[in-house]
Protein backbone atom coordinates (compact mmCIF):
# COMPACT_ATOMS: atom_id res chain seq x y z
CA MET A 1 27.14 15.21 14.56
CA ASP A 2 25.03 14.84 17.89
CA THR A 3 22.88 12.20 16.61
CA LEU A 4 20.87 11.66 19.55
CA LEU A 5 19.75 15.46 19.44
CA THR A 6 19.19 14.30 16.01
CA ALA A 7 17.07 11.60 17.17
CA ASP A 8 15.18 13.56 19.79
CA LEU A 9 13.96 16.01 17.32
CA MET A 10 12.90 13.52 15.12
CA ALA A 11 11.14 11.75 17.65
CA ASN A 12 8.94 14.81 19.22
CA SER A 13 8.41 16.00 15.18
CA PRO A 14 4.64 15.76 14.79
CA HIS A 15 3.30 13.03 11.72
CA PHE A 16 6.49 12.61 10.88
CA ARG A 17 6.99 9.94 8.23
CA ARG A 18 9.70 9.43 6.06
CA ARG A 19 9.12 8.86 2.41
CA SER A 20 11.15 5.95 1.23
CA SER A 21 14.85 6.37 0.73
CA THR A 22 14.13 4.58 -2.86
CA PHE A 23 10.94 5.93 -4.69
CA VAL A 24 11.06 2.58 -6.58
CA ASP A 25 7.91 1.13 -8.51
CA ALA A 26 5.03 2.83 -7.28
CA ILE A 27 5.72 0.52 -4.10
CA HIS A 28 6.95 2.73 -1.43
CA ASP A 29 4.86 5.92 -1.91
CA LEU A 30 0.70 5.08 -2.39
CA PRO A 31 -1.14 7.46 -4.73
CA GLU A 32 -2.74 10.36 -2.89
CA LYS A 33 -6.11 9.30 -4.85
CA GLU A 34 -7.05 5.68 -4.44
CA ALA A 35 -7.95 3.23 -7.89
CA MET A 36 -8.56 -0.32 -8.00
CA ALA A 37 -5.44 -2.22 -8.70
CA PRO A 38 -4.59 -3.98 -12.07
CA ALA A 39 -5.97 -7.64 -10.22
CA GLN A 40 -8.50 -6.17 -7.98
CA LEU A 41 -11.83 -7.97 -8.07
CA TYR A 42 -13.97 -6.02 -5.83
CA SER A 43 -13.73 -3.07 -3.35
CA THR A 44 -15.32 -2.44 0.13
CA GLU A 45 -16.15 0.59 2.07
CA SER A 46 -12.86 0.21 4.61
CA GLY A 47 -10.78 -0.21 1.87
CA ARG A 48 -9.73 -3.76 3.46
CA LEU A 49 -10.22 -6.94 0.90
CA PHE A 50 -11.31 -11.00 1.74
CA HIS A 51 -12.96 -10.74 5.05
CA SER A 52 -9.16 -9.82 6.53
CA GLY A 53 -8.64 -7.76 9.40
CA ARG A 54 -5.14 -6.11 9.75
CA ILE A 55 -1.90 -7.48 9.75
CA VAL A 56 1.96 -6.61 9.94
CA ILE A 57 4.34 -8.39 8.33
CA SER A 58 7.77 -8.39 9.80
CA THR A 59 10.88 -9.77 8.32
CA VAL A 60 13.54 -11.45 10.27
CA GLY A 61 16.92 -12.63 8.88
CA LEU A 62 20.64 -11.83 8.91
CA PRO A 63 21.54 -9.08 6.42
CA ALA A 64 22.21 -10.12 2.49
CA ARG A 65 19.94 -12.86 3.34
CA GLY A 66 17.01 -10.85 0.66
CA LYS A 67 14.52 -9.29 3.30
CA THR A 68 13.90 -5.90 1.40
CA HIS A 69 13.52 -8.11 -1.95
CA ILE A 70 10.85 -10.21 -0.52
CA SER A 71 9.24 -6.96 1.42
CA VAL A 72 9.09 -5.35 -1.95
CA ALA A 73 8.05 -8.62 -3.67
CA MET A 74 5.52 -8.70 -1.09
CA ALA A 75 4.48 -5.41 -1.35
CA ARG A 76 3.95 -5.17 -5.43
CA TYR A 77 1.62 -8.98 -5.05
CA LEU A 78 -0.40 -7.83 -2.86
CA ARG A 79 -1.06 -4.43 -4.53
CA TRP A 80 -1.31 -5.90 -7.38
CA LEU A 81 -4.26 -7.73 -5.82
CA GLY A 82 -6.00 -4.04 -4.67
CA VAL A 83 -5.13 -4.75 -0.80
CA LYS A 84 -3.72 -1.22 0.65
CA THR A 85 0.25 -2.45 1.86
CA ARG A 86 2.98 -0.48 2.30
CA ILE A 87 6.96 -1.17 3.53
CA PHE A 88 8.28 0.49 6.34
CA HIS A 89 12.18 -0.39 5.81
CA LEU A 90 13.62 0.69 9.68
CA GLY A 91 16.66 1.63 7.41
CA ASP A 92 14.78 4.36 5.81
CA TYR A 93 14.21 5.69 9.56
CA ARG A 94 17.44 5.42 10.53
CA ARG A 95 19.35 7.48 7.54
CA ALA A 96 16.24 9.88 8.13
CA THR A 97 17.24 10.33 11.41
CA VAL A 98 21.18 10.87 11.22
CA GLY A 99 20.99 12.14 7.73
CA PRO A 100 22.17 11.22 4.08
CA GLN A 101 25.93 11.88 5.57
CA GLY A 102 25.30 11.12 9.19
CA GLU A 103 27.54 9.06 11.59
CA ILE A 104 26.50 5.89 12.84
CA PRO A 105 27.79 4.96 15.99
CA GLN A 106 30.11 1.89 15.88
CA ASP A 107 28.27 -0.61 18.07
CA TYR A 108 24.76 0.20 16.16
CA PHE A 109 24.47 -3.12 14.53
CA HIS A 110 24.88 -4.93 17.86
CA VAL A 111 23.40 -6.34 20.12
CA ASN A 112 24.71 -5.73 23.34
CA ALA A 113 24.90 -1.94 22.17
CA SER A 114 26.14 0.67 24.58
CA PRO A 115 23.28 3.40 26.19
CA PRO A 116 23.84 5.83 24.26
CA THR A 117 23.16 4.01 21.07
CA ILE A 118 20.58 1.60 22.25
CA LEU A 119 18.58 4.88 23.24
CA LEU A 120 18.80 5.79 19.57
CA ARG A 121 18.07 2.75 18.36
CA GLN A 122 14.65 2.87 20.83
CA LYS A 123 13.44 6.03 19.14
CA ILE A 124 14.02 5.43 15.39
CA LEU A 125 12.37 2.07 16.33
CA LYS A 126 9.70 3.75 17.94
CA ARG A 127 8.80 6.61 15.32
CA CYS A 128 8.79 3.81 12.55
CA ARG A 129 5.88 1.84 14.82
CA GLU A 130 4.24 5.22 15.15
CA ASP A 131 3.91 5.39 11.61
CA ILE A 132 3.04 1.82 11.13
CA TYR A 133 -0.09 2.19 13.73
CA HIS A 134 -1.24 5.32 11.75
CA PHE A 135 -1.09 3.43 8.13
CA LEU A 136 -3.42 1.12 9.97
CA GLU A 137 -5.83 2.85 12.34
CA HIS A 138 -6.03 6.30 10.45
CA GLU A 139 -5.40 5.51 6.10
CA ASN A 140 -7.53 2.16 6.00
CA GLY A 141 -4.53 0.33 5.78
CA GLN A 142 -4.48 -3.40 5.60
CA VAL A 143 -0.71 -4.68 5.45
CA ALA A 144 2.02 -2.71 6.87
CA ILE A 145 5.62 -4.66 6.36
CA TYR A 146 8.11 -4.10 8.67
CA ASP A 147 11.80 -4.59 6.87
CA ALA A 148 13.93 -5.18 9.93
CA VAL A 149 16.50 -7.52 11.23
CA ASN A 150 14.08 -8.44 14.32
CA PRO A 151 17.20 -10.83 15.36
CA VAL A 152 16.13 -12.41 18.65
CA SER A 153 13.36 -13.80 19.94
CA SER A 154 12.41 -12.37 22.90
CA GLY A 155 12.03 -9.29 20.72
CA ARG A 156 10.10 -10.95 18.09
CA GLN A 157 7.64 -11.90 20.72
CA ALA A 158 6.93 -8.67 22.23
CA LEU A 159 6.27 -7.44 18.73
CA ALA A 160 3.47 -10.01 18.38
CA LYS A 161 2.25 -8.87 21.65
CA GLU A 162 2.25 -4.81 21.18
CA PHE A 163 0.47 -5.47 17.52
CA ALA A 164 -2.11 -7.78 19.31
CA LYS A 165 -3.16 -5.13 21.65
CA ARG A 166 -4.47 -2.93 19.05
CA GLN A 167 -6.19 -6.46 16.94
CA VAL A 168 -3.17 -6.79 14.30
CA GLN A 169 -2.25 -10.14 13.57
CA THR A 170 1.79 -11.01 13.31
CA LEU A 171 3.38 -12.65 10.74
CA PHE A 172 6.98 -13.37 10.84
CA ILE A 173 8.94 -14.18 7.40
CA GLU A 174 12.27 -14.75 8.10
CA SER A 175 15.21 -15.90 5.17
CA HIS A 176 17.55 -18.17 6.20
CA CYS A 177 20.58 -18.10 4.03
CA THR A 178 23.28 -20.97 4.29
CA ASP A 179 24.15 -21.20 0.72
CA GLU A 180 27.49 -18.57 0.48
CA ARG A 181 26.87 -18.04 -3.39
CA ILE A 182 23.57 -16.40 -2.19
CA ILE A 183 24.78 -14.67 -0.06
CA GLU A 184 27.66 -13.16 -1.98
CA GLU A 185 25.01 -12.51 -4.65
CA ASN A 186 23.01 -10.77 -2.45
CA VAL A 187 26.52 -8.27 -1.13
CA ARG A 188 27.00 -7.88 -4.42
CA SER A 189 23.39 -6.30 -5.37
CA VAL A 190 23.03 -4.92 -1.89
CA LYS A 191 26.50 -2.43 -2.14
CA ILE A 192 24.94 -1.51 -5.82
CA SER A 193 21.78 -0.49 -4.88
CA SER A 194 21.48 0.51 -1.34
CA PRO A 195 20.94 4.00 -0.10
CA ASP A 196 23.48 3.28 2.39
CA TYR A 197 26.28 2.88 -0.25
CA LYS A 198 25.68 5.60 -2.58
CA GLY A 199 28.82 6.72 -3.82
CA TRP A 200 31.11 4.17 -2.07
CA GLU A 201 33.63 2.29 -3.73
CA SER A 202 32.88 -1.24 -4.36
CA GLN A 203 35.49 -2.57 -2.08
CA ASP A 204 34.73 -0.67 0.92
CA ALA A 205 30.75 -0.75 0.63
CA VAL A 206 31.15 -4.65 0.85
CA LYS A 207 33.72 -4.58 3.60
CA ASP A 208 31.44 -2.25 5.67
CA TYR A 209 28.36 -4.41 4.47
CA LEU A 210 30.34 -7.69 5.72
CA ARG A 211 31.30 -5.69 8.25
CA ARG A 212 27.68 -5.33 9.64
CA ILE A 213 26.86 -9.13 8.93
CA ALA A 214 29.18 -9.96 11.47
CA ALA A 215 28.30 -7.66 14.40
CA ARG A 216 24.41 -9.63 13.82
CA HIS A 217 25.40 -13.21 12.97
CA PRO A 218 27.13 -14.11 16.74
CA ASP A 219 23.34 -12.81 18.38
CA PHE A 220 21.10 -13.89 15.39
CA GLU A 221 18.07 -16.75 16.65
CA THR A 222 16.53 -18.30 14.32
CA MET A 223 12.32 -18.54 14.19
CA GLU A 224 11.26 -21.55 16.35
CA GLU A 225 8.73 -19.81 18.22
CA GLN A 226 6.02 -22.54 18.25
CA HIS A 227 2.99 -20.41 19.51
CA LEU A 228 4.19 -17.04 16.52
CA HIS A 229 3.02 -17.13 13.08
CA TRP A 230 5.72 -17.59 10.58
CA ILE A 231 6.92 -18.63 7.39
CA LYS A 232 10.53 -19.47 7.06
CA MET A 233 12.29 -19.47 3.64
CA ILE A 234 15.41 -21.23 3.50
CA ASN A 235 17.99 -20.92 0.70
CA ALA A 236 16.03 -18.26 -1.79
CA GLY A 237 12.90 -20.72 -1.42
CA GLU A 238 14.42 -23.97 -2.06
CA ARG A 239 12.73 -25.26 1.02
CA VAL A 240 9.67 -23.45 3.19
CA ILE A 241 8.51 -23.86 6.77
CA VAL A 242 5.32 -22.58 7.61
CA ASN A 243 4.41 -22.58 11.49
CA ASN A 244 0.57 -21.74 12.11
CA CYS A 245 -0.39 -18.84 9.27
CA ALA A 246 -4.30 -19.79 9.84
CA PHE A 247 -5.91 -16.80 10.70
CA GLY A 248 -7.86 -15.76 7.32
CA TYR A 249 -8.06 -16.16 3.80
CA LEU A 250 -5.00 -13.29 2.76
CA SER A 251 -2.48 -15.17 4.99
CA GLN A 252 -3.31 -18.24 2.87
CA ARG A 253 -2.64 -15.77 0.05
CA ILE A 254 0.73 -14.96 1.29
CA VAL A 255 1.89 -18.54 1.74
CA PHE A 256 0.97 -19.11 -1.30
CA TYR A 257 2.52 -16.80 -3.08
CA LEU A 258 6.17 -17.08 -1.32
CA LEU A 259 6.07 -20.72 -2.43
CA ASN A 260 6.37 -19.20 -5.65
CA LEU A 261 8.71 -16.71 -4.96
CA HIS A 262 12.45 -17.14 -5.28
CA ILE A 263 15.27 -13.74 -4.46
CA LYS A 264 18.13 -15.57 -6.81
CA SER A 265 18.91 -12.89 -9.65
CA ARG A 266 17.78 -13.07 -13.24
CA GLN A 267 16.67 -11.12 -15.82
CA THR A 268 13.00 -10.74 -17.71
CA TYR A 269 12.92 -9.53 -21.69
CA PHE A 270 10.23 -8.59 -23.17
CA VAL A 271 9.57 -8.58 -27.06
CA ARG A 272 6.93 -7.92 -29.63
CA ALA A 273 5.78 -10.82 -32.00
CA GLY A 274 7.17 -10.70 -36.10
CA THR A 275 4.69 -9.66 -38.57
CA THR A 276 2.39 -12.11 -40.22
CA LYS A 277 1.78 -12.72 -44.01
CA THR A 278 -2.14 -11.23 -43.69
CA GLU A 279 -3.20 -8.47 -41.67
CA ASP A 280 -2.71 -9.01 -38.21
CA SER A 281 -6.37 -10.55 -36.66
CA TYR A 282 -7.03 -11.88 -33.45
CA LYS A 283 -9.23 -14.67 -35.43
CA ALA A 284 -6.91 -15.56 -37.80
CA ASP A 285 -3.58 -17.46 -37.02
CA ALA A 286 -1.11 -16.19 -40.03
CA SER A 287 2.62 -17.49 -39.80
CA LEU A 288 5.35 -15.20 -40.13
CA SER A 289 5.91 -12.83 -43.07
CA ASP A 290 9.20 -12.57 -45.22
CA GLU A 291 9.51 -9.29 -43.14
CA GLY A 292 8.45 -11.36 -39.96
CA LYS A 293 11.44 -13.74 -40.29
CA ASP A 294 13.74 -11.29 -41.03
CA TYR A 295 12.60 -9.47 -37.55
CA ALA A 296 12.83 -13.04 -36.05
CA LYS A 297 16.64 -13.81 -36.89
CA LYS A 298 17.94 -10.05 -35.81
CA LEU A 299 16.15 -10.07 -32.49
CA SER A 300 18.06 -13.52 -31.94
CA GLU A 301 21.30 -12.02 -33.05
CA ALA A 302 20.58 -8.97 -31.14
CA LEU A 303 19.70 -10.63 -27.37
CA THR A 304 22.26 -13.80 -27.79
CA SER A 305 25.11 -10.36 -28.63
CA HIS A 306 23.69 -8.37 -25.11
CA ARG A 307 23.88 -11.24 -23.15
CA GLU A 308 27.45 -12.21 -24.01
CA HIS A 309 28.11 -8.43 -23.59
CA GLU A 310 26.88 -7.59 -20.38
CA ARG A 311 28.63 -11.10 -19.32
CA GLN A 312 32.07 -9.39 -20.21
CA GLN A 313 31.01 -6.18 -18.50
CA LEU A 314 30.67 -7.80 -15.14
CA ILE A 315 33.98 -10.03 -15.11
CA ALA A 316 35.57 -6.36 -16.11
CA ARG A 317 33.73 -5.31 -12.85
CA GLY A 318 35.27 -7.67 -11.23
CA GLY A 319 32.87 -10.38 -10.96
CA PRO A 320 33.08 -14.44 -11.84
CA ASP A 321 33.93 -16.03 -14.93
CA THR A 322 31.37 -18.02 -15.22
CA ALA A 323 28.70 -19.27 -18.03
CA LEU A 324 25.79 -17.24 -18.67
CA LYS A 325 22.22 -18.42 -16.56
CA PRO A 326 20.07 -20.37 -18.85
CA LEU A 327 17.46 -18.86 -21.25
CA THR A 328 14.04 -19.87 -20.91
CA ILE A 329 11.57 -18.44 -23.76
CA TRP A 330 7.74 -18.17 -23.14
CA THR A 331 5.55 -17.49 -26.32
CA SER A 332 1.62 -17.98 -26.66
CA THR A 333 0.38 -20.90 -28.60
CA ARG A 334 -0.58 -18.57 -31.98
CA LYS A 335 1.81 -19.24 -34.49
CA ARG A 336 3.50 -15.89 -35.42
CA THR A 337 4.88 -16.18 -31.24
CA MET A 338 5.89 -19.24 -31.74
CA GLU A 339 7.50 -18.50 -35.42
CA THR A 340 9.35 -15.79 -34.18
CA ALA A 341 11.19 -18.05 -31.05
CA GLU A 342 12.79 -20.79 -34.07
CA TYR A 343 15.85 -19.47 -34.10
CA LEU A 344 16.12 -19.21 -30.68
CA GLU A 345 14.91 -22.70 -30.87
CA GLU A 346 17.37 -23.60 -32.87
CA LYS A 347 20.26 -22.69 -30.53
CA GLY A 348 19.17 -25.08 -27.66
CA TYR A 349 17.02 -22.68 -26.23
CA ARG A 350 13.97 -24.43 -24.27
CA VAL A 351 10.68 -22.56 -25.56
CA ARG A 352 7.36 -23.31 -23.62
CA GLN A 353 3.87 -22.18 -24.79
CA ARG A 354 1.36 -20.89 -23.18
CA ALA A 355 -2.42 -20.54 -23.71
CA GLN A 356 -2.76 -17.56 -21.38
CA MET A 357 -0.84 -15.25 -22.85
CA SER A 358 -2.93 -14.72 -25.72
CA GLN A 359 -3.63 -11.32 -26.68
CA LEU A 360 -6.61 -9.42 -25.39
CA ASN A 361 -9.64 -9.83 -27.23
CA PRO A 362 -11.23 -7.28 -29.02
CA GLY A 363 -14.30 -8.50 -29.94
CA VAL A 364 -16.99 -7.10 -32.05
CA CYS A 365 -14.20 -4.43 -32.90
CA GLU A 366 -11.77 -6.14 -34.30
CA LYS A 367 -10.78 -4.29 -37.69
CA MET A 368 -13.26 -1.59 -37.28
CA SER A 369 -12.18 2.31 -38.02
CA GLU A 370 -12.14 4.47 -35.43
CA LYS A 371 -14.89 6.44 -37.03
CA ARG A 372 -17.56 3.48 -37.57
CA ILE A 373 -16.87 2.70 -33.91
CA ARG A 374 -17.76 6.29 -32.90
CA GLU A 375 -20.65 5.68 -35.12
CA GLU A 376 -22.22 2.36 -34.34
CA TYR A 377 -20.98 2.82 -30.16
CA PRO A 378 -21.44 6.17 -28.75
CA GLN A 379 -21.76 5.19 -25.40
CA GLU A 380 -19.06 2.47 -25.67
CA VAL A 381 -16.39 5.22 -26.90
CA GLU A 382 -17.50 7.40 -23.88
CA LYS A 383 -17.03 4.25 -21.54
CA HIS A 384 -13.44 3.30 -23.04
CA GLU A 385 -12.34 6.79 -22.58
CA GLN A 386 -13.07 7.17 -19.25
CA ASP A 387 -11.76 3.91 -18.31
CA PRO A 388 -9.49 2.44 -20.69
CA TYR A 389 -8.41 -0.15 -18.59
CA HIS A 390 -11.33 -1.76 -17.05
CA HIS A 391 -14.21 -1.04 -20.08
CA ARG A 392 -14.82 -4.28 -22.42
CA TYR A 393 -16.41 -3.62 -25.77
CA PRO A 394 -19.34 -6.05 -27.00
CA ARG A 395 -17.94 -9.45 -26.32
CA ALA A 396 -14.30 -8.16 -25.77
CA GLU A 397 -11.52 -8.59 -23.21
CA SER A 398 -10.58 -5.34 -21.01
CA TYR A 399 -7.06 -5.41 -20.00
CA HIS A 400 -8.70 -6.17 -16.43
CA ASP A 401 -10.02 -9.17 -17.84
CA LEU A 402 -6.68 -9.94 -19.18
CA ALA A 403 -4.51 -9.34 -15.88
CA VAL A 404 -6.92 -11.98 -13.95
CA ARG A 405 -6.32 -14.31 -16.67
CA LEU A 406 -2.56 -13.80 -16.54
CA GLU A 407 -2.59 -14.11 -12.68
CA PRO A 408 -0.79 -17.91 -13.05
CA ILE A 409 1.72 -16.42 -15.43
CA ILE A 410 2.55 -14.05 -12.96
CA LEU A 411 3.41 -16.47 -10.21
CA GLU A 412 5.02 -18.84 -12.39
CA LEU A 413 7.06 -15.60 -13.50
CA GLU A 414 8.07 -15.20 -10.00
CA ARG A 415 9.17 -19.24 -9.93
CA GLU A 416 11.23 -19.23 -12.73
CA GLN A 417 14.84 -19.11 -11.76
CA ASN A 418 16.57 -18.53 -15.32
CA ASP A 419 16.36 -15.78 -17.49
CA LEU A 420 13.38 -15.20 -19.34
CA LEU A 421 12.40 -13.84 -22.48
CA ILE A 422 8.58 -13.66 -23.18
CA ILE A 423 7.65 -12.92 -26.65
CA ALA A 424 3.86 -12.21 -26.97
CA HIS A 425 1.59 -9.20 -27.91
CA GLU A 426 1.74 -5.86 -26.90
CA SER A 427 -1.50 -6.35 -24.88
CA VAL A 428 -0.07 -9.08 -23.06
CA LEU A 429 3.44 -7.10 -22.64
CA ARG A 430 1.25 -3.98 -21.27
CA VAL A 431 -0.11 -6.35 -18.18
CA LEU A 432 3.27 -7.80 -17.44
CA TYR A 433 5.28 -4.90 -17.21
CA GLY A 434 2.46 -3.26 -15.15
CA TYR A 435 3.19 -5.68 -12.66
CA LEU A 436 6.66 -5.75 -12.64
CA MET A 437 7.07 -2.16 -12.81
CA ALA A 438 3.60 -1.69 -10.09
CA CYS A 439 1.67 0.81 -12.59
CA ASN A 440 -1.30 1.80 -12.12
CA ALA A 441 -4.02 0.28 -13.89
CA HIS A 442 -4.89 3.75 -15.65
CA ASP A 443 -1.48 3.80 -17.42
CA ILE A 444 -1.53 -0.05 -18.49
CA PRO A 445 -3.21 0.50 -21.69
CA THR A 446 -0.83 3.60 -22.39
CA LEU A 447 2.59 1.46 -21.84
CA ASP A 448 3.85 1.05 -25.62
CA PHE A 449 6.57 -1.42 -27.15
CA PRO A 450 8.42 -0.40 -30.10
CA ARG A 451 8.97 -3.87 -32.45
CA ASP A 452 13.17 -2.72 -33.10
CA GLU A 453 13.72 -2.80 -28.98
CA ILE A 454 13.75 -5.60 -26.28
CA LEU A 455 13.17 -4.16 -23.22
CA GLU A 456 14.65 -5.94 -20.15
CA ILE A 457 13.68 -5.70 -16.37
CA ILE A 458 16.64 -6.16 -14.28
CA PRO A 459 14.79 -6.98 -10.57
CA ALA A 460 17.11 -5.89 -7.29
CA SER A 461 16.34 -5.54 -3.87
CA TYR A 462 15.55 -2.02 -3.51
CA GLN A 463 14.69 -1.12 -7.01
CA ASN A 464 13.92 -2.84 -10.58
CA GLU A 465 15.18 -1.19 -13.38
CA THR A 466 14.24 -1.03 -17.18
CA LYS A 467 16.85 -1.42 -19.65
CA ARG A 468 16.58 -1.26 -23.26
CA ILE A 469 18.49 -2.87 -26.05
CA HIS A 470 17.86 -2.25 -29.78
CA ILE A 471 17.60 -4.23 -32.65
CA PRO A 472 19.13 -2.42 -35.31
CA GLY A 473 18.49 -2.72 -39.30
CA LEU A 474 14.67 -3.02 -39.10
CA PRO A 475 12.40 -1.41 -41.80
CA SER A 476 10.33 1.20 -40.51
CA PRO A 477 7.09 0.29 -40.95
CA ILE A 478 7.02 -2.84 -39.12
CA ILE A 479 8.76 -1.07 -35.63
CA PRO A 480 5.11 1.20 -34.03
CA ALA A 481 3.12 -0.22 -31.69
CA SER A 482 0.37 -3.04 -32.68
CA PRO A 483 -2.15 -1.69 -35.26
CA GLU A 484 -4.69 -4.81 -33.57
CA GLY A 485 -5.58 -3.12 -30.54
CA ILE A 486 -9.31 -0.82 -30.61
CA GLN A 487 -7.84 2.82 -32.05
CA ILE A 488 -9.71 4.49 -29.60
CA PRO A 489 -7.65 7.66 -28.99
CA VAL A 490 -6.02 7.47 -25.48
CA PRO A 491 -3.11 9.82 -23.21
CA PRO A 492 -0.12 9.03 -25.11
CA SER A 493 2.53 6.24 -23.89
CA GLY A 494 5.16 8.11 -21.55
CA ALA A 495 2.45 10.43 -20.51
CA VAL A 496 3.31 12.12 -16.92
CA SER A 497 0.80 9.75 -14.66
CA PRO A 498 -0.56 11.58 -11.56
CA PHE A 499 0.20 9.14 -9.51
CA SER A 500 3.61 9.18 -8.09
CA GLY A 501 6.53 6.29 -8.77
CA ILE A 502 4.38 5.10 -11.77
CA GLY A 503 6.28 5.26 -15.22
CA THR A 504 6.11 3.45 -18.72
CA PRO A 505 9.19 1.97 -21.11
CA GLN A 506 9.52 4.86 -22.55
CA ASN A 507 9.85 7.36 -19.52
CA GLY A 508 11.71 4.28 -17.75
CA SER A 509 11.47 2.52 -14.89
CA ARG A 510 9.04 4.96 -13.30
CA THR A 511 7.45 8.59 -13.74
CA PRO A 512 9.68 10.69 -11.04
CA ILE A 513 8.77 13.51 -9.46
CA PRO A 514 8.66 16.50 -11.04
CA GLY A 515 12.45 18.39 -11.13
CA ASN A 516 13.88 15.46 -9.91
CA MET A 517 14.61 13.34 -13.23
CA SER A 518 17.83 12.52 -14.60
CA PRO A 519 17.52 9.61 -17.20
CA LYS A 520 20.56 8.06 -18.89
CA PRO A 521 20.36 8.70 -22.69
CA GLY A 522 21.77 6.50 -25.04
CA VAL A 523 20.52 3.86 -26.77
CA GLY A 524 20.82 0.57 -24.41
CA SER A 525 21.51 2.69 -21.77
CA SER A 526 19.62 2.02 -18.70
CA LEU A 527 16.45 4.03 -17.77
CA LYS A 528 16.65 4.45 -13.97
CA MET A 529 15.67 7.33 -13.25
CA VAL A 530 18.41 9.33 -10.72
CA LEU A 531 16.12 11.07 -7.83
CA SER A 532 17.53 13.22 -5.31
CA PRO A 533 16.59 12.88 -1.80
CA PRO A 534 13.50 14.66 -0.49
CA PRO A 535 13.71 18.08 0.43
C-alpha cells in the first residue's frame, strides 16, 4: 500500500473530519442539534460557558498510561456541565489515513523515523490540527482534547505557541506511571478495546503494543517546562502535580476533576431497592416487606455469584489468580435502600449511606393518578411533555435539579477505586447512568431499570460497556419500573434518540446508528453494540 499517496489524498480532501472509530458513549460525536446538557445551569449566545475562552487539552505520556481513558472521562464530565467538548484522537486520523488493514511503517512510532515516515506523520498531524481549529473557530467549540503521545519538550512548546497565535490556551495533562501493575492492566485493557487490535490474537496484540512502548520510551521527556500550563498525574492519581493552570474558572474545574479521577479498572453495579410494607411513597419511610427482604437476599446471592464467575473467567483467559477487588455499597438514607443492603453487610461488605442519593421529590403530584394530574394541572402537564427532564411540578424536583444535587456523588464515584454497588431509587439510577454513559438530558427520564436485573457498567479506555445480570426467582409483580414517578406519558425506555451515540439500559450502552446494530443476545450477556466502520 502506498501510504504516502493515501496521506496526500487525505490531507488535500476538503473539510475532512473522520468520525471516531469508537462511537463511544455520545462522547466522540456531538449531536447535530444542540440542547442543554444534564447538569448545565445556563446557556450563552456563543455557546461558551464559565466566562472562559477556548482551551486545548493535550495529553502527554507513553502508551498504556491511560491517556485515552483520561480524555474520554474528561470529555464526559465537561459535556455533563454543558461545555462543548470534542476529542481528537490522533490514532483515529492515522487509522483513517492508512485504512483499517493498512500497513504502518515499521519506524512510525520511533522519534528518529525515516523521512517518508516523518512526512506521513506530519500530514496526519496537520489534518488533525485543522479539524481542531475548525471545531474551535467555526463550530463554537470551547474545549478540544488532543489525544496523542506528545513525547518531547520541543514539540510541546511549539504546539503551545501555535495555539496561542489563535488565542487558544493549551493545558497539558501527563499520565506518568512507574507502577508496573497499572501498566500491565492498561496493556491488557487496550489490547481488548483498541481499534488497532480488532481481530488480533491476544499474544500478538500484547507483543505489538509492547513494541510501541519500547520504541517511544528512550526519547520520552516528562513534563518539566515551567512556563507551560500542565498537570501531571502519577500512578493513576496517587500523586498530582499542577504547574500554572490559572487562566480561568474552567481550568480550575478541570484541575479539581482530575484530583478526583483515577484510571484503575473497577466495576459499577446499579440496582433498585426492594419493595416496602406499605404503598411506595416519597414522604413515608417504610421498611421492606417480606417480598422486599426475599428480593434483597436473592440480589445478594446473584451479585456474589456473578463476581466470582467473572473472576474464574478472567483466570481462564490467562489473567492473574488474585482475590476479588473489594466491593463498596452506597445507599440513600431511606430505610428500604439500607435494608436492601443488609444481607451484603452481614457478609462483611462495607455499606455507606449518602443523603444526596434520595429519590426525586414528586411534589404535589405524589400518589395522584394521571387523570387527576391532567385535570388539576393541565398547563404543567403540557410543559412536562415538552421537556420531562427540566420541568418540575409545583413543590417538586426536576431531573435537572436531581443531577445538580448528585454532582458531589459523581465526583466521589470517579474517586472510588473499589468495585461499587449503588442501591437507589430508579430516578437516581437514571441520572447516574446518564452521566456514566453520556446520555442526552432528554433520554434520562425514559431509562428503565427492571427490579430483576443488576446493571453492570464496565469502564474501559475506548468505551464503557453495560451488562445485565439476571436475578432469578423473583415474583413478576415487583419487577416493573417504579410506580413512584409521576405517571405522565413519555417515550418508552429504549426508544431511539434523535442524538447519535445515545442509549438506554434496554438498548445497551448507546443507541447505535441504524443498520449497524448487532447486540449480543442472552441473559447477562454484554450489551455492547458492535458497530461497523463509517462509510
